[in-house]
Amino acid sequence: METPRRLRVGQAITPDEFEELSDERLARLVPRAYREYFPGKEQCADGHFYLHDGTAWSFYKGGFLDE
């Protein structure tokens, strides 16, 4: 039996993991400074969402899209 890996803030995840995780668990992967901008899984196009300044946080990169 495979043990699920422990997910941490800023850790990249796969598209399959993104689909499996709840909004609450996804929010825990976003650094605290940006969590208030997380709109929920349904509003994340291609595994990312936009912050107030126009930058985008990507769950697949575990960071900003432009980094």
Protein backbone atom coordinates (compact mmCIF):
# COMPACT_ATOMS: atom_id res chain seq x y z
CA MET A 1 0.00 0.00 0.00
CA GLU A 2 1.38 3.39 -1.00
CA THR A 3 1.68 6.03 1.73
CA PRO A 4 0.41 9.44 0.61
CA ARG A 5 3.16 12.02 0.55
CA ARG A 6 3.04 14.89 2.97
CA LEU A 7 2.30 18.10 1.11
CA ARG A 8 3.97 21.34 2.23
CA VAL A 9 3.60 25.04 1.51
CA GLY A 10 5.11 25.91 -1.84
CA GLN A 11 5.45 22.30 -2.95
CA ALA A 12 4.59 21.55 -6.58
CA ILE A 13 1.81 19.03 -7.17
CA THR A 14 0.63 17.11 -10.21
CA PRO A 15 -2.63 17.78 -12.05
CA ASP A 16 -3.98 14.49 -10.64
CA GLU A 17 -3.16 15.57 -7.08
CA PHE A 18 -4.82 18.93 -7.78
CA GLU A 19 -8.03 17.18 -8.78
CA GLU A 20 -7.98 14.95 -5.68
CA LEU A 21 -7.36 17.69 -3.09
CA SER A 22 -10.09 19.73 -1.42
CA ASP A 23 -10.10 23.54 -1.37
CA GLU A 24 -8.93 23.43 2.25
CA ARG A 25 -5.93 21.22 1.47
CA LEU A 26 -5.03 23.27 -1.60
CA ALA A 27 -5.12 26.49 0.43
CA ARG A 28 -2.52 25.01 2.78
CA LEU A 29 -0.09 24.76 -0.15
CA VAL A 30 -0.28 28.51 -0.77
CA PRO A 31 2.03 30.73 1.36
CA ARG A 32 0.06 32.50 4.10
CA ALA A 33 0.62 35.92 2.55
CA TYR A 34 -1.38 34.84 -0.51
CA ARG A 35 -4.02 32.52 0.95
CA GLU A 36 -6.67 35.23 1.12
CA TYR A 37 -6.51 35.47 -2.69
CA PHE A 38 -7.11 31.75 -3.27
CA PRO A 39 -10.58 31.66 -4.90
CA GLY A 40 -11.16 27.93 -4.54
CA LYS A 41 -10.37 25.06 -6.85
CA GLU A 42 -13.25 25.76 -9.27
CA GLN A 43 -11.80 29.20 -10.07
CA CYS A 44 -8.27 27.96 -10.79
CA ALA A 45 -7.66 27.80 -14.52
CA ASP A 46 -4.96 25.23 -15.34
CA GLY A 47 -3.95 24.91 -11.69
CA HIS A 48 -3.23 28.58 -11.01
CA PHE A 49 -4.96 31.71 -9.74
CA TYR A 50 -4.23 35.41 -9.90
CA LEU A 51 -3.25 37.64 -7.00
CA HIS A 52 -4.24 41.29 -6.50
CA ASP A 53 -1.14 42.53 -8.35
CA GLY A 54 -1.72 40.41 -11.45
CA THR A 55 0.87 37.74 -10.67
CA ALA A 56 -0.29 34.14 -10.75
CA TRP A 57 0.37 31.38 -8.22
CA SER A 58 0.72 27.91 -9.77
CA PHE A 59 0.08 24.71 -7.86
CA TYR A 60 1.93 22.76 -10.58
CA LYS A 61 5.10 24.84 -10.11
CA GLY A 62 4.71 25.43 -6.39
CA GLY A 63 5.39 29.11 -7.02
CA PHE A 64 4.67 32.02 -9.29
CA LEU A 65 4.15 31.39 -13.00
CA ASP A 66 6.71 34.00 -14.03
CA GLU A 67 9.56 32.59 -11.88
